[in-house]
């Protein structure tokens, strides 16, 4: 199966996703839920981490972007 995310793309998404997840989790745990911002940050981190694990980005599919395998 051909995925639409390359190795570099997946690595960058994983690092940024983990970072956002940690920051969002820290803000939630420290009680800074005055707005929904910490929750949104954590959810974006989860989405980035999930797409990096799966290797398939739905937005890339819609925009017809492919950093993964090259078709002949």
N, C-alpha and C. Protein backbone atom coordinates (compact mmCIF):
# COMPACT_ATOMS: atom_id res chain seq x y z
N UNK A 1 0.85 -1.18 0.00
CA UNK A 1 0.00 0.00 0.00
C UNK A 1 0.89 1.24 0.00
N UNK A 2 0.47 2.24 -0.71
CA UNK A 2 1.23 3.46 -0.84
C UNK A 2 0.63 4.55 0.06
N UNK A 3 1.43 5.08 0.94
CA UNK A 3 0.99 6.15 1.84
C UNK A 3 1.36 7.50 1.25
N UNK A 4 0.70 8.56 1.72
CA UNK A 4 0.98 9.87 1.14
C UNK A 4 1.90 10.73 2.01
N UNK A 5 2.55 10.13 3.01
CA UNK A 5 3.52 10.85 3.83
C UNK A 5 4.87 10.14 3.75
N UNK A 6 5.92 10.92 3.50
CA UNK A 6 7.26 10.37 3.46
C UNK A 6 7.84 10.22 4.86
N UNK A 7 9.02 9.64 4.93
CA UNK A 7 9.68 9.40 6.22
C UNK A 7 9.96 10.72 6.95
N UNK A 8 10.50 11.70 6.23
CA UNK A 8 10.82 12.98 6.87
C UNK A 8 9.55 13.67 7.37
N UNK A 9 8.52 13.63 6.55
CA UNK A 9 7.23 14.24 6.91
C UNK A 9 6.66 13.58 8.16
N UNK A 10 6.72 12.26 8.22
CA UNK A 10 6.19 11.54 9.37
C UNK A 10 6.99 11.85 10.63
N UNK A 11 8.31 11.96 10.51
CA UNK A 11 9.15 12.27 11.66
C UNK A 11 8.84 13.66 12.20
N UNK A 12 8.74 14.64 11.30
CA UNK A 12 8.45 16.01 11.73
C UNK A 12 7.07 16.09 12.38
N UNK A 13 6.09 15.41 11.81
CA UNK A 13 4.75 15.38 12.41
C UNK A 13 4.77 14.74 13.79
N UNK A 14 5.54 13.67 13.96
CA UNK A 14 5.61 12.99 15.25
C UNK A 14 6.24 13.89 16.31
N UNK A 15 7.32 14.57 15.96
CA UNK A 15 8.00 15.44 16.93
C UNK A 15 7.09 16.61 17.32
N UNK A 16 6.50 17.27 16.34
CA UNK A 16 5.61 18.40 16.63
C UNK A 16 4.37 17.93 17.38
N UNK A 17 3.82 16.79 16.99
CA UNK A 17 2.64 16.25 17.66
C UNK A 17 2.91 15.92 19.12
N UNK A 18 4.06 15.28 19.39
CA UNK A 18 4.41 14.98 20.78
C UNK A 18 4.61 16.26 21.58
N UNK A 19 5.26 17.25 20.98
CA UNK A 19 5.47 18.53 21.65
C UNK A 19 4.16 19.21 22.00
N UNK A 20 3.25 19.27 21.05
CA UNK A 20 1.95 19.90 21.30
C UNK A 20 1.14 19.12 22.33
N UNK A 21 1.25 17.81 22.29
CA UNK A 21 0.54 16.98 23.26
C UNK A 21 1.06 17.22 24.67
N UNK A 22 2.37 17.33 24.81
CA UNK A 22 2.96 17.59 26.12
C UNK A 22 2.57 18.98 26.63
N UNK A 23 2.66 19.99 25.77
CA UNK A 23 2.30 21.35 26.17
C UNK A 23 0.82 21.43 26.53
N UNK A 24 -0.03 20.86 25.70
CA UNK A 24 -1.47 20.88 25.99
C UNK A 24 -1.80 20.12 27.27
N UNK A 25 -1.17 18.96 27.45
CA UNK A 25 -1.40 18.19 28.67
C UNK A 25 -0.92 18.92 29.91
N UNK A 26 0.23 19.59 29.81
CA UNK A 26 0.74 20.36 30.94
C UNK A 26 -0.20 21.51 31.29
N UNK A 27 -0.69 22.22 30.28
CA UNK A 27 -1.61 23.34 30.54
C UNK A 27 -2.93 22.85 31.13
N UNK A 28 -3.40 21.72 30.66
CA UNK A 28 -4.64 21.17 31.21
C UNK A 28 -4.43 20.73 32.66
N UNK A 29 -3.31 20.05 32.92
CA UNK A 29 -3.04 19.55 34.27
C UNK A 29 -2.78 20.67 35.27
N UNK A 30 -2.24 21.79 34.81
CA UNK A 30 -1.94 22.89 35.72
C UNK A 30 -3.14 23.79 35.96
N UNK A 31 -4.27 23.47 35.36
CA UNK A 31 -5.50 24.22 35.62
C UNK A 31 -5.65 25.49 34.83
N UNK A 32 -4.99 25.61 33.72
CA UNK A 32 -5.10 26.81 32.90
C UNK A 32 -6.20 26.68 31.84
N UNK A 33 -7.29 26.04 32.22
CA UNK A 33 -8.39 25.91 31.27
C UNK A 33 -9.35 27.08 31.46
N UNK A 34 -8.91 28.25 31.07
CA UNK A 34 -9.78 29.42 31.05
C UNK A 34 -10.47 29.47 29.70
N UNK A 35 -9.74 29.07 28.70
CA UNK A 35 -10.28 28.97 27.35
C UNK A 35 -10.13 27.53 26.88
N UNK A 36 -10.51 27.27 25.68
CA UNK A 36 -10.38 25.93 25.11
C UNK A 36 -9.02 25.72 24.44
N UNK A 37 -8.15 26.71 24.52
CA UNK A 37 -6.87 26.64 23.84
C UNK A 37 -6.04 25.42 24.22
N UNK A 38 -5.86 25.09 25.52
CA UNK A 38 -5.06 23.90 25.84
C UNK A 38 -5.65 22.61 25.27
N UNK A 39 -6.95 22.52 25.24
CA UNK A 39 -7.60 21.33 24.70
C UNK A 39 -7.38 21.26 23.19
N UNK A 40 -7.50 22.38 22.51
CA UNK A 40 -7.28 22.41 21.07
C UNK A 40 -5.84 22.06 20.74
N UNK A 41 -4.89 22.58 21.52
CA UNK A 41 -3.48 22.27 21.31
C UNK A 41 -3.24 20.77 21.47
N UNK A 42 -3.82 20.17 22.50
CA UNK A 42 -3.66 18.73 22.73
C UNK A 42 -4.29 17.92 21.61
N UNK A 43 -5.46 18.32 21.13
CA UNK A 43 -6.13 17.59 20.05
C UNK A 43 -5.33 17.67 18.75
N UNK A 44 -4.79 18.84 18.44
CA UNK A 44 -3.95 18.98 17.24
C UNK A 44 -2.72 18.09 17.36
N UNK A 45 -2.15 18.01 18.56
CA UNK A 45 -1.01 17.12 18.79
C UNK A 45 -1.38 15.66 18.56
N UNK A 46 -2.55 15.27 19.03
CA UNK A 46 -3.01 13.89 18.85
C UNK A 46 -3.22 13.59 17.36
N UNK A 47 -3.81 14.52 16.64
CA UNK A 47 -4.05 14.32 15.20
C UNK A 47 -2.73 14.20 14.46
N UNK A 48 -1.76 15.09 14.74
CA UNK A 48 -0.47 15.01 14.07
C UNK A 48 0.26 13.71 14.39
N UNK A 49 0.21 13.31 15.64
CA UNK A 49 0.85 12.06 16.04
C UNK A 49 0.17 10.86 15.37
N UNK A 50 -1.15 10.89 15.31
CA UNK A 50 -1.88 9.79 14.67
C UNK A 50 -1.60 9.67 13.19
N UNK A 51 -1.57 10.80 12.49
CA UNK A 51 -1.29 10.73 11.05
C UNK A 51 0.15 10.32 10.79
N UNK A 52 1.06 10.66 11.71
CA UNK A 52 2.45 10.22 11.51
C UNK A 52 2.59 8.72 11.73
N UNK A 53 1.82 8.17 12.64
CA UNK A 53 1.87 6.73 12.89
C UNK A 53 1.25 5.96 11.72
N UNK A 54 0.11 6.43 11.25
CA UNK A 54 -0.60 5.74 10.16
C UNK A 54 0.09 5.96 8.82
N UNK A 55 0.63 7.16 8.61
CA UNK A 55 1.29 7.47 7.35
C UNK A 55 0.37 7.99 6.28
N UNK A 56 -0.83 8.31 6.65
CA UNK A 56 -1.83 8.77 5.70
C UNK A 56 -2.50 10.02 6.24
N UNK A 57 -2.44 11.11 5.48
CA UNK A 57 -3.04 12.37 5.89
C UNK A 57 -4.26 12.66 5.02
N UNK A 58 -5.45 12.76 5.62
CA UNK A 58 -6.65 13.04 4.82
C UNK A 58 -6.58 14.37 4.07
N UNK A 59 -5.98 15.38 4.67
CA UNK A 59 -5.87 16.67 4.00
C UNK A 59 -4.95 16.56 2.79
N UNK A 60 -3.87 15.78 2.90
CA UNK A 60 -3.00 15.55 1.76
C UNK A 60 -3.78 14.87 0.63
N UNK A 61 -4.67 13.95 0.97
CA UNK A 61 -5.46 13.26 -0.05
C UNK A 61 -6.37 14.23 -0.78
N UNK A 62 -6.99 15.14 -0.03
CA UNK A 62 -7.89 16.12 -0.64
C UNK A 62 -7.11 17.07 -1.56
N UNK A 63 -5.92 17.51 -1.10
CA UNK A 63 -5.12 18.46 -1.86
C UNK A 63 -4.21 17.77 -2.88
N UNK A 64 -4.26 16.44 -2.94
CA UNK A 64 -3.46 15.63 -3.86
C UNK A 64 -1.95 15.88 -3.68
N UNK A 65 -1.53 15.95 -2.41
CA UNK A 65 -0.12 16.08 -2.06
C UNK A 65 0.40 14.71 -1.69
N UNK A 66 1.60 14.37 -2.16
CA UNK A 66 2.17 13.08 -1.86
C UNK A 66 3.66 13.25 -1.60
N UNK A 67 4.07 13.09 -0.33
CA UNK A 67 5.48 13.12 0.00
C UNK A 67 6.02 11.73 0.23
N UNK A 68 5.16 10.73 0.06
CA UNK A 68 5.55 9.34 0.27
C UNK A 68 6.04 8.69 -0.99
N UNK A 69 5.46 7.54 -1.33
CA UNK A 69 5.94 6.78 -2.47
C UNK A 69 5.60 7.49 -3.78
N UNK A 70 6.46 7.29 -4.72
CA UNK A 70 6.28 7.90 -6.04
C UNK A 70 5.75 6.84 -6.99
N UNK A 71 4.67 7.14 -7.64
CA UNK A 71 4.10 6.20 -8.61
C UNK A 71 4.76 6.40 -9.97
N UNK A 72 4.95 5.31 -10.67
CA UNK A 72 5.64 5.37 -11.97
C UNK A 72 4.73 5.88 -13.05
